Structures are given as structure tokens and as C-alpha cells.
């Protein structure tokens, strides 16, 4: 396990804490609203990026539509950035961070 992954494990919230308590209408779900503004091909790419981010943050328990994005804090995003930079190519990590910023 890399140092960055260790950081993410240390601050990783329990999946129940980041999971949406109740399903939101798509018009209120931040990921769905963001994705709906994109072209079909971009939508697929960014959905995969958001799903990966949600999975990393919750140990595989949530995806883009079941994560409560409003509960993310600086500690989560800083640790996530470190993991992404170690695990993925720079362009891929930047695309994932871009998707996270837009949500």
C-alpha cells in the first residue's frame, strides 16, 4: 500500500456516512445534473471518473449516484488527489479531479 493510499484509508469515511440517506430526484443529484450538461461521449467518460472517485472514497460501496457529494470535506479531496496522482496517469487523474470539481 502506498503512502497516499494509506492517507485515504486514514480519513476514509464509513460508506454509510458518505452514502445518500435517501434517493434524490435526478434534478437535485449533483452528479446527475453535471452529467446531463455534457455531450453523450463526455457523459460516459465523466460518469466513469465520478464512479471511480466515489468508489475510492467509500471502499467500493458507493457510485456517483449514491454518494452524497455535499459531505465531502477538504481532507477527503486532498487524500483522494494524492491517491489519484500515484495510481493513474496525470491526464487521467486530472480528468477525475475535474469531474469532482464540477460536482
C-alpha atoms as a PDB file:
ATOM      1  CA  UNK A   1       0.000   0.000   0.000  1.00  0.00           C
ATOM      2  CA  UNK A   2       1.399   3.379  -0.977  1.00  0.00           C
ATOM      3  CA  UNK A   3       1.611   6.317   1.380  1.00  0.00           C
ATOM      4  CA  UNK A   4      -1.201   8.124  -0.442  1.00  0.00           C
ATOM      5  CA  UNK A   5      -3.492   5.107  -0.217  1.00  0.00           C
ATOM      6  CA  UNK A   6      -2.688   4.923   3.498  1.00  0.00           C
ATOM      7  CA  UNK A   7      -3.739   8.572   3.856  1.00  0.00           C
ATOM      8  CA  UNK A   8      -7.012   7.845   2.106  1.00  0.00           C
ATOM      9  CA  UNK A   9      -7.657   4.848   4.377  1.00  0.00           C
ATOM     10  CA  UNK A  10      -6.987   7.007   7.452  1.00  0.00           C
ATOM     11  CA  UNK A  11      -9.562   9.628   6.558  1.00  0.00           C
ATOM     12  CA  UNK A  12     -11.903   7.413   4.553  1.00  0.00           C
ATOM     13  CA  UNK A  13     -15.339   7.939   5.927  1.00  0.00           C
ATOM     14  CA  UNK A  14     -17.518   4.990   6.586  1.00  0.00           C
ATOM     15  CA  UNK A  15     -19.584   4.289   3.473  1.00  0.00           C
ATOM     16  CA  UNK A  16     -22.741   4.916   5.471  1.00  0.00           C
ATOM     17  CA  UNK A  17     -21.519   8.451   6.256  1.00  0.00           C
ATOM     18  CA  UNK A  18     -20.979   9.389   2.612  1.00  0.00           C
ATOM     19  CA  UNK A  19     -23.893   7.452   1.166  1.00  0.00           C
ATOM     20  CA  UNK A  20     -27.031   9.419   0.394  1.00  0.00           C
ATOM     21  CA  UNK A  21     -29.587   8.741   3.126  1.00  0.00           C
ATOM     22  CA  UNK A  22     -32.482   8.685   0.704  1.00  0.00           C
ATOM     23  CA  UNK A  23     -32.509   8.608  -3.084  1.00  0.00           C
ATOM     24  CA  UNK A  24     -32.606  12.114  -4.538  1.00  0.00           C
ATOM     25  CA  UNK A  25     -34.556  13.117  -7.603  1.00  0.00           C
ATOM     26  CA  UNK A  26     -32.165  13.357 -10.549  1.00  0.00           C
ATOM     27  CA  UNK A  27     -32.821  17.086 -10.775  1.00  0.00           C
ATOM     28  CA  UNK A  28     -31.263  17.505  -7.309  1.00  0.00           C
ATOM     29  CA  UNK A  29     -28.471  14.920  -7.528  1.00  0.00           C
ATOM     30  CA  UNK A  30     -25.245  16.907  -8.217  1.00  0.00           C
ATOM     31  CA  UNK A  31     -23.593  14.216 -10.343  1.00  0.00           C
ATOM     32  CA  UNK A  32     -26.712  13.718 -12.472  1.00  0.00           C
ATOM     33  CA  UNK A  33     -27.121  17.469 -13.015  1.00  0.00           C
ATOM     34  CA  UNK A  34     -23.467  17.814 -14.054  1.00  0.00           C
ATOM     35  CA  UNK A  35     -23.572  14.795 -16.368  1.00  0.00           C
ATOM     36  CA  UNK A  36     -26.788  15.956 -18.040  1.00  0.00           C
ATOM     37  CA  UNK A  37     -24.976  19.075 -19.281  1.00  0.00           C
ATOM     38  CA  UNK A  38     -22.368  17.056 -21.180  1.00  0.00           C
ATOM     39  CA  UNK A  39     -22.328  15.557 -24.662  1.00  0.00           C
ATOM     40  CA  UNK A  40     -23.062  11.790 -24.721  1.00  0.00           C
ATOM     41  CA  UNK A  41     -19.440  10.723 -25.175  1.00  0.00           C
ATOM     42  CA  UNK A  42     -18.184  13.076 -22.470  1.00  0.00           C
ATOM     43  CA  UNK A  43     -21.032  11.960 -20.231  1.00  0.00           C
ATOM     44  CA  UNK A  44     -19.814   8.348 -20.335  1.00  0.00           C
ATOM     45  CA  UNK A  45     -16.203   9.360 -19.611  1.00  0.00           C
ATOM     46  CA  UNK A  46     -17.070  11.634 -16.714  1.00  0.00           C
ATOM     47  CA  UNK A  47     -19.575   9.157 -15.266  1.00  0.00           C
ATOM     48  CA  UNK A  48     -16.760   6.590 -15.125  1.00  0.00           C
ATOM     49  CA  UNK A  49     -14.498   9.166 -13.477  1.00  0.00           C
ATOM     50  CA  UNK A  50     -17.114  10.036 -10.839  1.00  0.00           C
ATOM     51  CA  UNK A  51     -17.852   6.366 -10.207  1.00  0.00           C
ATOM     52  CA  UNK A  52     -14.133   5.745  -9.637  1.00  0.00           C
ATOM     53  CA  UNK A  53     -13.884   8.689  -7.252  1.00  0.00           C
ATOM     54  CA  UNK A  54     -16.936   7.554  -5.283  1.00  0.00           C
ATOM     55  CA  UNK A  55     -15.613   4.008  -5.141  1.00  0.00           C
ATOM     56  CA  UNK A  56     -12.203   5.126  -3.865  1.00  0.00           C
ATOM     57  CA  UNK A  57     -13.761   7.305  -1.180  1.00  0.00           C
ATOM     58  CA  UNK A  58     -16.085   4.602   0.128  1.00  0.00           C
ATOM     59  CA  UNK A  59     -14.110   1.423  -0.401  1.00  0.00           C
ATOM     60  CA  UNK A  60     -16.297   0.383  -3.325  1.00  0.00           C
ATOM     61  CA  UNK A  61     -19.617   0.889  -1.536  1.00  0.00           C
ATOM     62  CA  UNK A  62     -20.950   3.906  -3.468  1.00  0.00           C
ATOM     63  CA  UNK A  63     -21.065   5.105  -7.038  1.00  0.00           C
ATOM     64  CA  UNK A  64     -21.623   8.587  -8.454  1.00  0.00           C
ATOM     65  CA  UNK A  65     -25.392   8.460  -7.923  1.00  0.00           C
ATOM     66  CA  UNK A  66     -25.380   7.059  -4.386  1.00  0.00           C
ATOM     67  CA  UNK A  67     -22.631   9.232  -2.878  1.00  0.00           C
ATOM     68  CA  UNK A  68     -23.735  12.354  -1.012  1.00  0.00           C
ATOM     69  CA  UNK A  69     -21.254  14.773  -2.590  1.00  0.00           C
ATOM     70  CA  UNK A  70     -22.113  17.506  -0.087  1.00  0.00           C
ATOM     71  CA  UNK A  71     -20.490  15.510   2.727  1.00  0.00           C
ATOM     72  CA  UNK A  72     -17.015  15.584   1.167  1.00  0.00           C
ATOM     73  CA  UNK A  73     -14.511  17.736   3.017  1.00  0.00           C
ATOM     74  CA  UNK A  74     -11.059  19.066   2.235  1.00  0.00           C
ATOM     75  CA  UNK A  75      -9.409  16.078   3.936  1.00  0.00           C
ATOM     76  CA  UNK A  76     -11.228  13.698   1.589  1.00  0.00           C
ATOM     77  CA  UNK A  77     -10.350  15.572  -1.569  1.00  0.00           C
ATOM     78  CA  UNK A  78      -6.698  16.166  -0.605  1.00  0.00           C
ATOM     79  CA  UNK A  79      -6.137  12.484   0.157  1.00  0.00           C
ATOM     80  CA  UNK A  80      -8.034  11.492  -2.984  1.00  0.00           C
ATOM     81  CA  UNK A  81      -5.796  13.745  -5.086  1.00  0.00           C
ATOM     82  CA  UNK A  82      -2.696  12.040  -3.712  1.00  0.00           C
ATOM     83  CA  UNK A  83      -4.071   8.592  -4.485  1.00  0.00           C
ATOM     84  CA  UNK A  84      -5.124   9.574  -7.995  1.00  0.00           C
ATOM     85  CA  UNK A  85      -1.708  11.043  -8.783  1.00  0.00           C
ATOM     86  CA  UNK A  86       0.005   7.811  -7.699  1.00  0.00           C
ATOM     87  CA  UNK A  87      -2.467   5.386  -9.217  1.00  0.00           C
ATOM     88  CA  UNK A  88      -3.269   6.957 -12.606  1.00  0.00           C
ATOM     89  CA  UNK A  89      -1.539   8.737 -15.459  1.00  0.00           C
ATOM     90  CA  UNK A  90      -1.509  12.527 -14.993  1.00  0.00           C
ATOM     91  CA  UNK A  91      -4.147  13.157 -17.676  1.00  0.00           C
ATOM     92  CA  UNK A  92      -6.488  10.567 -16.158  1.00  0.00           C
ATOM     93  CA  UNK A  93      -6.015  11.890 -12.622  1.00  0.00           C
ATOM     94  CA  UNK A  94      -6.650  15.459 -13.808  1.00  0.00           C
ATOM     95  CA  UNK A  95      -9.814  14.384 -15.653  1.00  0.00           C
ATOM     96  CA  UNK A  96     -11.102  12.726 -12.464  1.00  0.00           C
ATOM     97  CA  UNK A  97     -10.294  15.805 -10.400  1.00  0.00           C
ATOM     98  CA  UNK A  98     -12.030  17.991 -12.970  1.00  0.00           C
ATOM     99  CA  UNK A  99     -15.167  15.853 -12.700  1.00  0.00           C
ATOM    100  CA  UNK A 100     -15.006  16.108  -8.903  1.00  0.00           C
ATOM    101  CA  UNK A 101     -14.691  19.902  -9.045  1.00  0.00           C
ATOM    102  CA  UNK A 102     -17.690  20.207 -11.337  1.00  0.00           C
ATOM    103  CA  UNK A 103     -19.895  18.207  -8.976  1.00  0.00           C
END
